[in-house]
Each structure stands twice: as structure tokens, then as C-alpha cells.
C-alpha atoms as a PDB file:
ATOM      1  CA  UNK A   1     -49.573 -11.035  15.704  1.00  0.00           C
ATOM      2  CA  UNK A   2     -46.508 -11.914  17.773  1.00  0.00           C
ATOM      3  CA  UNK A   3     -45.170 -14.113  15.007  1.00  0.00           C
ATOM      4  CA  UNK A   4     -45.668 -11.333  12.441  1.00  0.00           C
ATOM      5  CA  UNK A   5     -43.932  -8.839  14.717  1.00  0.00           C
ATOM      6  CA  UNK A   6     -41.012 -11.217  15.202  1.00  0.00           C
ATOM      7  CA  UNK A   7     -40.735 -11.723  11.440  1.00  0.00           C
ATOM      8  CA  UNK A   8     -40.702  -7.950  10.955  1.00  0.00           C
ATOM      9  CA  UNK A   9     -37.884  -7.289  13.424  1.00  0.00           C
ATOM     10  CA  UNK A  10     -35.692 -10.293  14.281  1.00  0.00           C
ATOM     11  CA  UNK A  11     -34.171 -10.863  10.791  1.00  0.00           C
ATOM     12  CA  UNK A  12     -32.403  -7.494  11.105  1.00  0.00           C
ATOM     13  CA  UNK A  13     -29.813  -9.270  13.249  1.00  0.00           C
ATOM     14  CA  UNK A  14     -28.428 -10.679   9.988  1.00  0.00           C
ATOM     15  CA  UNK A  15     -29.033  -7.547   7.897  1.00  0.00           C
ATOM     16  CA  UNK A  16     -25.329  -6.778   7.293  1.00  0.00           C
ATOM     17  CA  UNK A  17     -24.520 -10.357   6.264  1.00  0.00           C
ATOM     18  CA  UNK A  18     -27.478 -11.236   4.043  1.00  0.00           C
ATOM     19  CA  UNK A  19     -29.463  -8.069   3.212  1.00  0.00           C
ATOM     20  CA  UNK A  20     -31.062  -9.655   0.137  1.00  0.00           C
ATOM     21  CA  UNK A  21     -32.697 -12.309   2.326  1.00  0.00           C
ATOM     22  CA  UNK A  22     -33.500 -10.094   5.319  1.00  0.00           C
ATOM     23  CA  UNK A  23     -35.330  -7.297   3.481  1.00  0.00           C
ATOM     24  CA  UNK A  24     -38.064  -9.517   1.950  1.00  0.00           C
ATOM     25  CA  UNK A  25     -38.634 -11.267   5.294  1.00  0.00           C
ATOM     26  CA  UNK A  26     -38.987  -8.035   7.258  1.00  0.00           C
ATOM     27  CA  UNK A  27     -41.180  -6.535   4.545  1.00  0.00           C
ATOM     28  CA  UNK A  28     -43.463  -9.589   4.751  1.00  0.00           C
ATOM     29  CA  UNK A  29     -43.596  -9.263   8.531  1.00  0.00           C
ATOM     30  CA  UNK A  30     -44.431  -5.540   8.383  1.00  0.00           C
ATOM     31  CA  UNK A  31     -47.174  -6.062   5.782  1.00  0.00           C
ATOM     32  CA  UNK A  32     -48.655  -8.959   7.759  1.00  0.00           C
ATOM     33  CA  UNK A  33     -48.629  -6.933  10.975  1.00  0.00           C
ATOM     34  CA  UNK A  34     -50.342  -3.980   9.322  1.00  0.00           C
ATOM     35  CA  UNK A  35     -52.913  -6.275   7.755  1.00  0.00           C
ATOM     36  CA  UNK A  36     -53.748  -7.940  11.063  1.00  0.00           C
ATOM     37  CA  UNK A  37     -54.135  -4.540  12.707  1.00  0.00           C
ATOM     38  CA  UNK A  38     -55.917  -3.003   9.724  1.00  0.00           C
ATOM     39  CA  UNK A  39     -58.766  -1.763  11.865  1.00  0.00           C
ATOM     40  CA  UNK A  40     -56.273   0.040  14.140  1.00  0.00           C
ATOM     41  CA  UNK A  41     -53.367   0.579  11.713  1.00  0.00           C
ATOM     42  CA  UNK A  42     -51.852   3.463  13.643  1.00  0.00           C
ATOM     43  CA  UNK A  43     -51.791   1.535  16.905  1.00  0.00           C
ATOM     44  CA  UNK A  44     -49.025  -0.798  15.763  1.00  0.00           C
ATOM     45  CA  UNK A  45     -45.916  -1.110  17.940  1.00  0.00           C
ATOM     46  CA  UNK A  46     -43.362   1.588  16.970  1.00  0.00           C
ATOM     47  CA  UNK A  47     -40.753  -1.137  16.506  1.00  0.00           C
ATOM     48  CA  UNK A  48     -42.641  -2.218  13.375  1.00  0.00           C
ATOM     49  CA  UNK A  49     -42.301   1.272  11.876  1.00  0.00           C
ATOM     50  CA  UNK A  50     -38.631   1.368  12.799  1.00  0.00           C
ATOM     51  CA  UNK A  51     -38.177  -2.015  11.112  1.00  0.00           C
ATOM     52  CA  UNK A  52     -39.882  -0.748   7.978  1.00  0.00           C
ATOM     53  CA  UNK A  53     -37.594   2.303   7.875  1.00  0.00           C
ATOM     54  CA  UNK A  54     -34.500   0.146   8.442  1.00  0.00           C
ATOM     55  CA  UNK A  55     -35.532  -2.139   5.594  1.00  0.00           C
ATOM     56  CA  UNK A  56     -36.088   0.876   3.356  1.00  0.00           C
ATOM     57  CA  UNK A  57     -32.663   2.225   4.313  1.00  0.00           C
ATOM     58  CA  UNK A  58     -31.099  -1.147   3.473  1.00  0.00           C
ATOM     59  CA  UNK A  59     -32.680  -1.166   0.011  1.00  0.00           C
ATOM     60  CA  UNK A  60     -31.700   2.457  -0.648  1.00  0.00           C
ATOM     61  CA  UNK A  61     -28.149   1.695   0.481  1.00  0.00           C
ATOM     62  CA  UNK A  62     -27.804  -1.214  -1.935  1.00  0.00           C
ATOM     63  CA  UNK A  63     -28.843   0.549  -5.146  1.00  0.00           C
ATOM     64  CA  UNK A  64     -27.198   3.344  -7.139  1.00  0.00           C
ATOM     65  CA  UNK A  65     -27.466   6.929  -5.907  1.00  0.00           C
ATOM     66  CA  UNK A  66     -29.929   8.035  -8.603  1.00  0.00           C
ATOM     67  CA  UNK A  67     -32.060   4.912  -8.232  1.00  0.00           C
ATOM     68  CA  UNK A  68     -32.071   5.442  -4.470  1.00  0.00           C
ATOM     69  CA  UNK A  69     -33.632   8.892  -4.706  1.00  0.00           C
ATOM     70  CA  UNK A  70     -36.093   7.740  -7.382  1.00  0.00           C
ATOM     71  CA  UNK A  71     -37.244   4.834  -5.186  1.00  0.00           C
ATOM     72  CA  UNK A  72     -37.519   7.112  -2.169  1.00  0.00           C
ATOM     73  CA  UNK A  73     -39.581   9.619  -4.146  1.00  0.00           C
ATOM     74  CA  UNK A  74     -41.919   6.939  -5.471  1.00  0.00           C
ATOM     75  CA  UNK A  75     -42.340   5.391  -2.006  1.00  0.00           C
ATOM     76  CA  UNK A  76     -43.099   8.762  -0.393  1.00  0.00           C
ATOM     77  CA  UNK A  77     -45.621   9.597  -3.113  1.00  0.00           C
ATOM     78  CA  UNK A  78     -47.400   6.242  -2.807  1.00  0.00           C
ATOM     79  CA  UNK A  79     -47.396   6.424   0.993  1.00  0.00           C
ATOM     80  CA  UNK A  80     -48.890   9.905   1.052  1.00  0.00           C
ATOM     81  CA  UNK A  81     -51.443   9.047  -1.645  1.00  0.00           C
ATOM     82  CA  UNK A  82     -52.670   5.890   0.072  1.00  0.00           C
ATOM     83  CA  UNK A  83     -52.906   7.658   3.416  1.00  0.00           C
ATOM     84  CA  UNK A  84     -54.872  10.527   1.829  1.00  0.00           C
ATOM     85  CA  UNK A  85     -57.334   8.097   0.240  1.00  0.00           C
ATOM     86  CA  UNK A  86     -57.826   5.704   3.166  1.00  0.00           C
ATOM     87  CA  UNK A  87     -56.924   7.685   6.292  1.00  0.00           C
ATOM     88  CA  UNK A  88     -57.093  11.417   5.506  1.00  0.00           C
ATOM     89  CA  UNK A  89     -57.453  12.225   9.166  1.00  0.00           C
ATOM     90  CA  UNK A  90     -53.919  10.919   9.845  1.00  0.00           C
ATOM     91  CA  UNK A  91     -52.008  12.961   7.272  1.00  0.00           C
ATOM     92  CA  UNK A  92     -49.849  14.340  10.087  1.00  0.00           C
ATOM     93  CA  UNK A  93     -48.586  10.813  10.705  1.00  0.00           C
ATOM     94  CA  UNK A  94     -48.096  10.308   6.952  1.00  0.00           C
ATOM     95  CA  UNK A  95     -46.006  13.467   6.689  1.00  0.00           C
ATOM     96  CA  UNK A  96     -43.858  12.269   9.595  1.00  0.00           C
ATOM     97  CA  UNK A  97     -43.350   8.924   7.883  1.00  0.00           C
ATOM     98  CA  UNK A  98     -42.500  10.636   4.583  1.00  0.00           C
ATOM     99  CA  UNK A  99     -39.929  12.814   6.347  1.00  0.00           C
ATOM    100  CA  UNK A 100     -38.427   9.717   8.021  1.00  0.00           C
ATOM    101  CA  UNK A 101     -38.218   7.962   4.652  1.00  0.00           C
ATOM    102  CA  UNK A 102     -36.516  11.004   3.116  1.00  0.00           C
ATOM    103  CA  UNK A 103     -34.065  11.013   6.045  1.00  0.00           C
ATOM    104  CA  UNK A 104     -33.352   7.321   5.412  1.00  0.00           C
ATOM    105  CA  UNK A 105     -32.595   8.118   1.767  1.00  0.00           C
ATOM    106  CA  UNK A 106     -30.307  10.960   2.847  1.00  0.00           C
ATOM    107  CA  UNK A 107     -28.460   8.768   5.360  1.00  0.00           C
ATOM    108  CA  UNK A 108     -28.030   6.049   2.713  1.00  0.00           C
ATOM    109  CA  UNK A 109     -26.569   8.663   0.359  1.00  0.00           C
ATOM    110  CA  UNK A 110     -24.185   9.926   3.044  1.00  0.00           C
ATOM    111  CA  UNK A 111     -23.077   6.388   3.901  1.00  0.00           C
ATOM    112  CA  UNK A 112     -22.551   5.605   0.218  1.00  0.00           C
ATOM    113  CA  UNK A 113     -20.495   8.785  -0.254  1.00  0.00           C
ATOM    114  CA  UNK A 114     -18.314   7.957   2.758  1.00  0.00           C
ATOM    115  CA  UNK A 115     -17.715   4.450   1.413  1.00  0.00           C
ATOM    116  CA  UNK A 116     -16.756   5.872  -1.975  1.00  0.00           C
ATOM    117  CA  UNK A 117     -14.364   8.334  -0.347  1.00  0.00           C
ATOM    118  CA  UNK A 118     -12.719   5.578   1.722  1.00  0.00           C
ATOM    119  CA  UNK A 119     -12.388   3.381  -1.364  1.00  0.00           C
ATOM    120  CA  UNK A 120     -10.885   6.267  -3.327  1.00  0.00           C
ATOM    121  CA  UNK A 121      -8.420   6.940  -0.498  1.00  0.00           C
ATOM    122  CA  UNK A 122      -7.459   3.255  -0.386  1.00  0.00           C
ATOM    123  CA  UNK A 123      -6.958   3.163  -4.147  1.00  0.00           C
ATOM    124  CA  UNK A 124      -4.905   6.355  -3.983  1.00  0.00           C
ATOM    125  CA  UNK A 125      -2.670   4.955  -1.237  1.00  0.00           C
ATOM    126  CA  UNK A 126      -2.133   1.742  -3.206  1.00  0.00           C
ATOM    127  CA  UNK A 127      -1.326   3.744  -6.350  1.00  0.00           C
ATOM    128  CA  UNK A 128       1.168   5.890  -4.437  1.00  0.00           C
ATOM    129  CA  UNK A 129       2.836   2.807  -2.963  1.00  0.00           C
ATOM    130  CA  UNK A 130       3.092   1.172  -6.384  1.00  0.00           C
ATOM    131  CA  UNK A 131       4.479   4.375  -7.875  1.00  0.00           C
ATOM    132  CA  UNK A 132       7.024   4.618  -5.062  1.00  0.00           C
ATOM    133  CA  UNK A 133       8.009   0.983  -5.582  1.00  0.00           C
ATOM    134  CA  UNK A 134       8.465   1.553  -9.332  1.00  0.00           C
ATOM    135  CA  UNK A 135      10.571   4.656  -8.723  1.00  0.00           C
ATOM    136  CA  UNK A 136      12.727   2.814  -6.193  1.00  0.00           C
ATOM    137  CA  UNK A 137      13.180  -0.132  -8.547  1.00  0.00           C
ATOM    138  CA  UNK A 138      14.283   2.253 -11.281  1.00  0.00           C
ATOM    139  CA  UNK A 139      16.738   3.858  -8.877  1.00  0.00           C
ATOM    140  CA  UNK A 140      18.080   0.451  -7.862  1.00  0.00           C
ATOM    141  CA  UNK A 141      18.356  -0.550 -11.524  1.00  0.00           C
ATOM    142  CA  UNK A 142      20.269   2.643 -12.259  1.00  0.00           C
ATOM    143  CA  UNK A 143      22.707   2.021  -9.428  1.00  0.00           C
ATOM    144  CA  UNK A 144      23.127  -1.630 -10.382  1.00  0.00           C
ATOM    145  CA  UNK A 145      23.714  -0.507 -13.961  1.00  0.00           C
ATOM    146  CA  UNK A 146      26.456   1.827 -12.811  1.00  0.00           C
ATOM    147  CA  UNK A 147      28.055  -1.066 -10.938  1.00  0.00           C
ATOM    148  CA  UNK A 148      27.726  -3.738 -13.626  1.00  0.00           C
ATOM    149  CA  UNK A 149      28.392  -1.416 -16.549  1.00  0.00           C
ATOM    150  CA  UNK A 150      31.829  -0.614 -15.156  1.00  0.00           C
ATOM    151  CA  UNK A 151      32.731  -4.313 -15.061  1.00  0.00           C
ATOM    152  CA  UNK A 152      31.372  -5.003 -18.542  1.00  0.00           C
ATOM    153  CA  UNK A 153      33.169  -1.982 -19.958  1.00  0.00           C
ATOM    154  CA  UNK A 154      36.388  -3.253 -18.376  1.00  0.00           C
ATOM    155  CA  UNK A 155      35.842  -6.659 -20.026  1.00  0.00           C
ATOM    156  CA  UNK A 156      35.323  -5.035 -23.416  1.00  0.00           C
ATOM    157  CA  UNK A 157      38.399  -2.807 -23.104  1.00  0.00           C
ATOM    158  CA  UNK A 158      40.668  -5.640 -21.948  1.00  0.00           C
ATOM    159  CA  UNK A 159      39.377  -7.979 -24.640  1.00  0.00           C
ATOM    160  CA  UNK A 160      40.112  -5.377 -27.310  1.00  0.00           C
ATOM    161  CA  UNK A 161      43.529  -4.557 -25.872  1.00  0.00           C
ATOM    162  CA  UNK A 162      44.613  -8.183 -25.452  1.00  0.00           C
ATOM    163  CA  UNK A 163      45.746  -8.701 -29.098  1.00  0.00           C
ATOM    164  CA  UNK A 164      47.990  -5.640 -28.779  1.00  0.00           C
ATOM    165  CA  UNK A 165      49.471  -6.422 -25.372  1.00  0.00           C
ATOM    166  CA  UNK A 166      49.934 -10.161 -25.893  1.00  0.00           C
ATOM    167  CA  UNK A 167      52.283 -10.908 -28.774  1.00  0.00           C
ATOM    168  CA  UNK A 168      52.143 -13.828 -31.169  1.00  0.00           C
ATOM    169  CA  UNK A 169      48.521 -14.759 -30.471  1.00  0.00           C
ATOM    170  CA  UNK A 170      47.013 -17.292 -32.876  1.00  0.00           C
ATOM    171  CA  UNK A 171      44.294 -16.001 -35.153  1.00  0.00           C
ATOM    172  CA  UNK A 172      41.537 -18.074 -33.483  1.00  0.00           C
ATOM    173  CA  UNK A 173      42.433 -16.522 -30.126  1.00  0.00           C
ATOM    174  CA  UNK A 174      42.363 -13.021 -31.614  1.00  0.00           C
ATOM    175  CA  UNK A 175      38.946 -13.785 -33.092  1.00  0.00           C
ATOM    176  CA  UNK A 176      37.755 -15.036 -29.718  1.00  0.00           C
ATOM    177  CA  UNK A 177      38.885 -11.846 -27.996  1.00  0.00           C
ATOM    178  CA  UNK A 178      37.094  -9.828 -30.675  1.00  0.00           C
ATOM    179  CA  UNK A 179      33.862 -11.770 -30.085  1.00  0.00           C
ATOM    180  CA  UNK A 180      34.156 -11.231 -26.319  1.00  0.00           C
ATOM    181  CA  UNK A 181      34.575  -7.492 -26.820  1.00  0.00           C
ATOM    182  CA  UNK A 182      31.614  -7.348 -29.225  1.00  0.00           C
ATOM    183  CA  UNK A 183      29.367  -9.332 -26.877  1.00  0.00           C
ATOM    184  CA  UNK A 184      30.354  -7.116 -23.936  1.00  0.00           C
ATOM    185  CA  UNK A 185      29.549  -3.937 -25.829  1.00  0.00           C
ATOM    186  CA  UNK A 186      26.202  -5.345 -27.028  1.00  0.00           C
ATOM    187  CA  UNK A 187      25.298  -6.311 -23.454  1.00  0.00           C
ATOM    188  CA  UNK A 188      26.223  -2.838 -22.273  1.00  0.00           C
ATOM    189  CA  UNK A 189      23.984  -1.313 -24.930  1.00  0.00           C
ATOM    190  CA  UNK A 190      21.063  -3.545 -23.930  1.00  0.00           C
ATOM    191  CA  UNK A 191      21.496  -2.551 -20.297  1.00  0.00           C
ATOM    192  CA  UNK A 192      21.433   1.124 -21.195  1.00  0.00           C
ATOM    193  CA  UNK A 193      18.282   0.701 -23.276  1.00  0.00           C
ATOM    194  CA  UNK A 194      16.586  -1.171 -20.432  1.00  0.00           C
ATOM    195  CA  UNK A 195      17.579   1.530 -17.982  1.00  0.00           C
ATOM    196  CA  UNK A 196      16.152   4.152 -20.332  1.00  0.00           C
ATOM    197  CA  UNK A 197      12.797   2.347 -20.289  1.00  0.00           C
ATOM    198  CA  UNK A 198      12.795   2.202 -16.492  1.00  0.00           C
ATOM    199  CA  UNK A 199      13.605   5.907 -16.248  1.00  0.00           C
ATOM    200  CA  UNK A 200      10.811   6.747 -18.680  1.00  0.00           C
ATOM    201  CA  UNK A 201       8.278   4.639 -16.726  1.00  0.00           C
ATOM    202  CA  UNK A 202       9.160   6.050 -13.327  1.00  0.00           C
ATOM    203  CA  UNK A 203      10.045   9.607 -14.252  1.00  0.00           C
ATOM    204  CA  UNK A 204      13.304   9.236 -12.338  1.00  0.00           C
ATOM    205  CA  UNK A 205      15.848  11.922 -12.954  1.00  0.00           C
ATOM    206  CA  UNK A 206      19.225  11.085 -14.395  1.00  0.00           C
ATOM    207  CA  UNK A 207      22.152  11.640 -12.050  1.00  0.00           C
ATOM    208  CA  UNK A 208      25.839  11.320 -12.799  1.00  0.00           C
ATOM    209  CA  UNK A 209      27.325  11.452  -9.295  1.00  0.00           C
ATOM    210  CA  UNK A 210      29.502   8.511  -8.194  1.00  0.00           C
ATOM    211  CA  UNK A 211      27.595   5.896  -6.227  1.00  0.00           C
ATOM    212  CA  UNK A 212      28.358   6.069  -2.479  1.00  0.00           C
ATOM    213  CA  UNK A 213      29.428   3.112  -0.371  1.00  0.00           C
ATOM    214  CA  UNK A 214      30.276   2.120   3.166  1.00  0.00           C
ATOM    215  CA  UNK A 215      33.521   4.051   2.839  1.00  0.00           C
ATOM    216  CA  UNK A 216      31.381   7.205   3.289  1.00  0.00           C
ATOM    217  CA  UNK A 217      29.270   5.783   6.135  1.00  0.00           C
ATOM    218  CA  UNK A 218      31.018   7.862   8.805  1.00  0.00           C
ATOM    219  CA  UNK A 219      30.439  11.049   6.814  1.00  0.00           C
ATOM    220  CA  UNK A 220      26.763  10.094   6.520  1.00  0.00           C
ATOM    221  CA  UNK A 221      26.522   9.630  10.288  1.00  0.00           C
ATOM    222  CA  UNK A 222      28.204  12.973  10.937  1.00  0.00           C
ATOM    223  CA  UNK A 223      25.573  14.701   8.802  1.00  0.00           C
ATOM    224  CA  UNK A 224      22.733  13.114  10.781  1.00  0.00           C
ATOM    225  CA  UNK A 225      20.921  15.492  13.114  1.00  0.00           C
ATOM    226  CA  UNK A 226      21.143  13.408  16.273  1.00  0.00           C
ATOM    227  CA  UNK A 227      23.294  10.934  18.174  1.00  0.00           C
ATOM    228  CA  UNK A 228      24.362   7.835  16.239  1.00  0.00           C
ATOM    229  CA  UNK A 229      26.476   4.952  17.546  1.00  0.00           C
ATOM    230  CA  UNK A 230      28.383   3.016  14.897  1.00  0.00           C
ATOM    231  CA  UNK A 231      29.530  -0.495  15.746  1.00  0.00           C
ATOM    232  CA  UNK A 232      31.506  -2.560  13.239  1.00  0.00           C
ATOM    233  CA  UNK A 233      31.728  -6.267  14.009  1.00  0.00           C
ATOM    234  CA  UNK A 234      34.370  -8.300  12.270  1.00  0.00           C
ATOM    235  CA  UNK A 235      37.157  -7.148  10.005  1.00  0.00           C
ATOM    236  CA  UNK A 236      36.227  -4.596   7.391  1.00  0.00           C
ATOM    237  CA  UNK A 237      36.952  -5.757   3.863  1.00  0.00           C
ATOM    238  CA  UNK A 238      36.140  -4.682   0.316  1.00  0.00           C
ATOM    239  CA  UNK A 239      32.648  -5.705  -0.727  1.00  0.00           C
ATOM    240  CA  UNK A 240      31.085  -6.192  -4.156  1.00  0.00           C
ATOM    241  CA  UNK A 241      30.033  -2.763  -5.345  1.00  0.00           C
ATOM    242  CA  UNK A 242      26.344  -3.712  -5.544  1.00  0.00           C
ATOM    243  CA  UNK A 243      26.407  -4.800  -1.886  1.00  0.00           C
ATOM    244  CA  UNK A 244      28.430  -1.744  -0.894  1.00  0.00           C
ATOM    245  CA  UNK A 245      25.947   0.675  -2.495  1.00  0.00           C
ATOM    246  CA  UNK A 246      22.864  -1.138  -1.168  1.00  0.00           C
ATOM    247  CA  UNK A 247      24.241  -1.268   2.391  1.00  0.00           C
ATOM    248  CA  UNK A 248      24.941   2.466   2.324  1.00  0.00           C
ATOM    249  CA  UNK A 249      21.450   3.204   0.979  1.00  0.00           C
ATOM    250  CA  UNK A 250      19.769   1.068   3.641  1.00  0.00           C
ATOM    251  CA  UNK A 251      21.597   2.852   6.457  1.00  0.00           C
ATOM    252  CA  UNK A 252      20.895   6.206   4.804  1.00  0.00           C
ATOM    253  CA  UNK A 253      17.164   5.453   4.606  1.00  0.00           C
ATOM    254  CA  UNK A 254      17.088   4.276   8.239  1.00  0.00           C
ATOM    255  CA  UNK A 255      18.664   7.523   9.402  1.00  0.00           C
ATOM    256  CA  UNK A 256      16.230   9.521   7.264  1.00  0.00           C
ATOM    257  CA  UNK A 257      13.289   7.637   8.806  1.00  0.00           C
ATOM    258  CA  UNK A 258      14.634   8.240  12.308  1.00  0.00           C
ATOM    259  CA  UNK A 259      15.019  11.938  11.552  1.00  0.00           C
ATOM    260  CA  UNK A 260      11.452  12.150  10.192  1.00  0.00           C
ATOM    261  CA  UNK A 261       9.535   9.898  12.629  1.00  0.00           C
ATOM    262  CA  UNK A 262      11.683   9.942  15.771  1.00  0.00           C
ATOM    263  CA  UNK A 263      13.469  13.314  15.908  1.00  0.00           C
ATOM    264  CA  UNK A 264      16.033  13.434  18.684  1.00  0.00           C
ATOM    265  CA  UNK A 265      16.079   9.663  19.122  1.00  0.00           C
ATOM    266  CA  UNK A 266      19.397   7.910  19.634  1.00  0.00           C
ATOM    267  CA  UNK A 267      20.265   5.573  16.752  1.00  0.00           C
ATOM    268  CA  UNK A 268      22.614   2.603  16.809  1.00  0.00           C
ATOM    269  CA  UNK A 269      24.067   1.224  13.566  1.00  0.00           C
ATOM    270  CA  UNK A 270      25.752  -2.162  13.523  1.00  0.00           C
ATOM    271  CA  UNK A 271      27.595  -3.584  10.502  1.00  0.00           C
ATOM    272  CA  UNK A 272      28.654  -7.210  10.968  1.00  0.00           C
ATOM    273  CA  UNK A 273      31.112  -8.633   8.444  1.00  0.00           C
ATOM    274  CA  UNK A 274      30.504 -12.380   8.263  1.00  0.00           C
ATOM    275  CA  UNK A 275      32.258 -14.818   5.909  1.00  0.00           C
ATOM    276  CA  UNK A 276      29.557 -14.729   3.208  1.00  0.00           C
ATOM    277  CA  UNK A 277      27.192 -12.088   4.508  1.00  0.00           C
ATOM    278  CA  UNK A 278      27.026  -8.445   5.536  1.00  0.00           C
ATOM    279  CA  UNK A 279      24.533  -8.086   8.380  1.00  0.00           C
ATOM    280  CA  UNK A 280      22.999  -4.661   9.006  1.00  0.00           C
ATOM    281  CA  UNK A 281      21.158  -3.699  12.194  1.00  0.00           C
ATOM    282  CA  UNK A 282      19.781  -0.199  12.781  1.00  0.00           C
ATOM    283  CA  UNK A 283      17.740   0.575  15.902  1.00  0.00           C
ATOM    284  CA  UNK A 284      16.469   3.734  17.588  1.00  0.00           C
ATOM    285  CA  UNK A 285      14.803   4.508  20.923  1.00  0.00           C
ATOM    286  CA  UNK A 286      11.945   6.512  19.415  1.00  0.00           C
ATOM    287  CA  UNK A 287       8.193   5.874  19.705  1.00  0.00           C
ATOM    288  CA  UNK A 288       8.322   2.854  17.405  1.00  0.00           C
ATOM    289  CA  UNK A 289       6.409   1.978  14.241  1.00  0.00           C
ATOM    290  CA  UNK A 290       2.863   3.141  13.566  1.00  0.00           C
ATOM    291  CA  UNK A 291      -0.012   1.013  12.313  1.00  0.00           C
ATOM    292  CA  UNK A 292       0.981   1.458   8.644  1.00  0.00           C
ATOM    293  CA  UNK A 293       4.727   1.021   9.116  1.00  0.00           C
ATOM    294  CA  UNK A 294       4.780  -1.999   6.802  1.00  0.00           C
ATOM    295  CA  UNK A 295       3.679   0.146   3.890  1.00  0.00           C
ATOM    296  CA  UNK A 296       6.200   2.989   4.127  1.00  0.00           C
ATOM    297  CA  UNK A 297       7.868   3.972   0.875  1.00  0.00           C
ATOM    298  CA  UNK A 298      11.342   3.887   2.434  1.00  0.00           C
ATOM    299  CA  UNK A 299      10.778   0.383   3.752  1.00  0.00           C
ATOM    300  CA  UNK A 300       9.668  -0.712   0.290  1.00  0.00           C
ATOM    301  CA  UNK A 301      12.933   0.550  -1.167  1.00  0.00           C
ATOM    302  CA  UNK A 302      15.103  -1.136   1.478  1.00  0.00           C
ATOM    303  CA  UNK A 303      13.271  -4.428   1.051  1.00  0.00           C
ATOM    304  CA  UNK A 304      13.633  -4.197  -2.750  1.00  0.00           C
ATOM    305  CA  UNK A 305      17.371  -3.654  -2.415  1.00  0.00           C
ATOM    306  CA  UNK A 306      17.902  -6.604  -0.091  1.00  0.00           C
ATOM    307  CA  UNK A 307      15.788  -8.995  -2.149  1.00  0.00           C
ATOM    308  CA  UNK A 308      17.433  -7.875  -5.397  1.00  0.00           C
ATOM    309  CA  UNK A 309      20.749  -9.154  -4.014  1.00  0.00           C
ATOM    310  CA  UNK A 310      19.249 -12.412  -2.746  1.00  0.00           C
ATOM    311  CA  UNK A 311      19.263 -11.247   0.873  1.00  0.00           C
ATOM    312  CA  UNK A 312      16.603 -10.704   3.522  1.00  0.00           C
ATOM    313  CA  UNK A 313      15.032  -7.715   5.278  1.00  0.00           C
ATOM    314  CA  UNK A 314      12.817  -7.077   8.304  1.00  0.00           C
ATOM    315  CA  UNK A 315      11.428  -3.989  10.005  1.00  0.00           C
ATOM    316  CA  UNK A 316       9.590  -4.150  13.328  1.00  0.00           C
ATOM    317  CA  UNK A 317       9.256  -2.739  16.812  1.00  0.00           C
ATOM    318  CA  UNK A 318      12.420  -3.207  18.839  1.00  0.00           C
ATOM    319  CA  UNK A 319      12.481  -5.473  21.906  1.00  0.00           C
ATOM    320  CA  UNK A 320      12.804  -2.400  24.146  1.00  0.00           C
ATOM    321  CA  UNK A 321      10.641  -0.112  22.015  1.00  0.00           C
ATOM    322  CA  UNK A 322      11.683   2.069  19.137  1.00  0.00           C
ATOM    323  CA  UNK A 323      12.144   0.853  15.580  1.00  0.00           C
ATOM    324  CA  UNK A 324      14.428  -1.970  14.496  1.00  0.00           C
ATOM    325  CA  UNK A 325      15.613  -2.641  10.932  1.00  0.00           C
ATOM    326  CA  UNK A 326      17.675  -5.688  10.069  1.00  0.00           C
ATOM    327  CA  UNK A 327      19.018  -6.809   6.705  1.00  0.00           C
ATOM    328  CA  UNK A 328      21.377  -9.423   5.388  1.00  0.00           C
ATOM    329  CA  UNK A 329      23.222  -8.957   2.088  1.00  0.00           C
ATOM    330  CA  UNK A 330      25.130 -11.896   0.613  1.00  0.00           C
ATOM    331  CA  UNK A 331      28.708 -10.955  -0.310  1.00  0.00           C
ATOM    332  CA  UNK A 332      29.381 -13.924  -2.571  1.00  0.00           C
END
């Protein structure tokens, strides 16, 4: 009897890990216990009944919602019928057991619904993050197009104008200039078609404003609602336009995050001009990053920008609290 009781209860320790193995073992233990106490079936230790209900809940939790209620209905019907035939004087106990079994089915349904809701929320968050990443990539592609397209257009124009500005060019050289101009214009057309596909995929709106750069960084800081310290290390110099635009956007996003998540916090912006690298450091004295800081849409965009230029990016809690963003953008 002790061995049967142990078999009916102890396997539940592993119920969450191996339910398919635990349920048959506990069911065997419960049946054996009831058989051994068949002459006094209702004098069994209550732990055996609790084990039977827990096993039933485990089975109902594992199957589909409809199958769960069907199994529960069949089990309740069989339980009540057998009790009526063999022990009609204990129908009160049978009704209590049937109600407990129905409660187990209800709890399994509630647990299943909560799991489905959590999974749906997780899927929705992942979809939103992917959508935000696609939109940011399209925006980066548009800005890079504006930067590169200007250079390619300049190549095409100069290649076409060369035969008119340079006198006495040999015919092979004129043909070479013509091929350069044609190739430049074809490349420009391909870039525009690719950008059109990215805009269509992301739903990004078309804008025609000039792309900002670090030349407007002081105006950006003045518009920020809070105190910002700007520190420029090294000698300022003209940067490649792609780096210039990306650096401005990273600082802009950092200030927007500080305004949204740490209102009133003091922000320090450091731009370090190194020989082959522009180093960006933005820190605030706010409450610091939350648990899901690594998945923020703004951080995704900043990381995409840095990696697109072959640089690096990090976002973490500052050494003295607050939030710290660092990025390195190669300038050559």
C-alpha cells in the first residue's frame, strides 16, 4: 500500500519535465491504491485523490481545447455512472469529485488561454521589431542613396562634359568618357529602382528635404528640451556624407530617447575626431535602461547605421547610472 501510494504521488516531482512518463505512472499508482483498498475505497488518503486530479489536469493541459472538454465530460460521466452502480450511497462524494474534475478542466483551459495570449504577445513584439528594423533600413537606404546618388550624378555629368571642356581628345578617350557616363547613369537608375522596392516594402514616406549633418548638431541640441553638454575632441574636419548623416541621426535618436525615457535628465554628447574614426559617446543621468532596452526600435536603427558603415555600436547602463550609447564610424 505504501509503495502504491508513493507511485501515485512522487512522480509528480518531474511532471513539468516529463509529463508523458509521469501521468501513466501516477495513474497506475492511483488504480493500484484504490484496488488494494477496494473494500474501503472512500477511506483512501486524500493525497491519492489530489494526485489523480493533478494527473487529470496534466492530461487536459496537454491536449487541444475541444478534446480537453470532451475528455473531461467523458471522465465525469464514467465516474458518476460507476459510483451510481457500485456505491450509490456515496453519490455526494462522486458529485464533489465530478466538480473537482470540471474545475481541473477549467483551470487547464485558463492556463492554455494565458499561454496562447503570451505567445501572441511575443509574436506581435517580434513582428513590430522586424517591421521597425525594415523601416529603419529603408530610411538608411534612402539617405545613403541621397549621398551616393549625388556622387554618381557628378561622375556622369563630368564624364559627359569632359569631351567639350578638354580639346583635342582622341576618339578612344571620348568613347571611354561616354561609357563612363552611361555606366554611371545606369547605376543611378538601378539604385533608384532598389530604393523604390525598399519604400514599397516598408511603407516609408518619400521626403525631399536635404539630409542633415553634424554642421546642424548645435541647432539640434538647442531644440532639445533639457540640458545638453557638447564636447568635441580633436579638430573638426569634413567627413564623408554617409558618416556625417549617420552621426547626426545617432545623436538625434539618443536625445529623443532621453526626452522620452529620462525627461529632465542631463545629457552629455561627445564627438571625438580620430585619424580614421569618428567616436560618438552620449550619456545621461536618468534612471538607466529597462529590462527590454536591447530591443528598442531606436537602438535597432542606430545599430543598423553603425554596422552599415562598417563601424560598431553599444548601448548599456552607464558606470554611474543612466544610459550610455557609444558608436564608432570609420571615416575612411
